[in-house]
Amino acid sequence: MDVNQSLSDEQVSRLEGRIPAMAKGAIKAAYINTLAAGPGVMEIRDSMLVETTADGPHAVIRMAKPKHKEAFGGVIKVNSLS
């Protein structure tokens, strides 16, 4: 494809549709590379903060705390940054 050639709406939509799969693959690759390069990865599993190491075992660190506590059906006010 030429650099100056424009894409149709259908082509753009098709390419945009591939973004979630590409992101999922990039996240999985980063996870595997991090495990291979370092002592472990911290992650949330079943509401627990867990350290996973390259040789396989999972060590539970503690319960994961929610970042924000909100009542069900509550309204969250968001301030503008600009």
Foldseek 3Di string as FASTA:
>chain_A
DDPPDDDDPVVVVVVVVCVVVVVVVVVVVVQLVDQVPDQWDWDADPQFTWTAHNVGDIDTDGGHDDPDDDDVPDDDDDDDPD
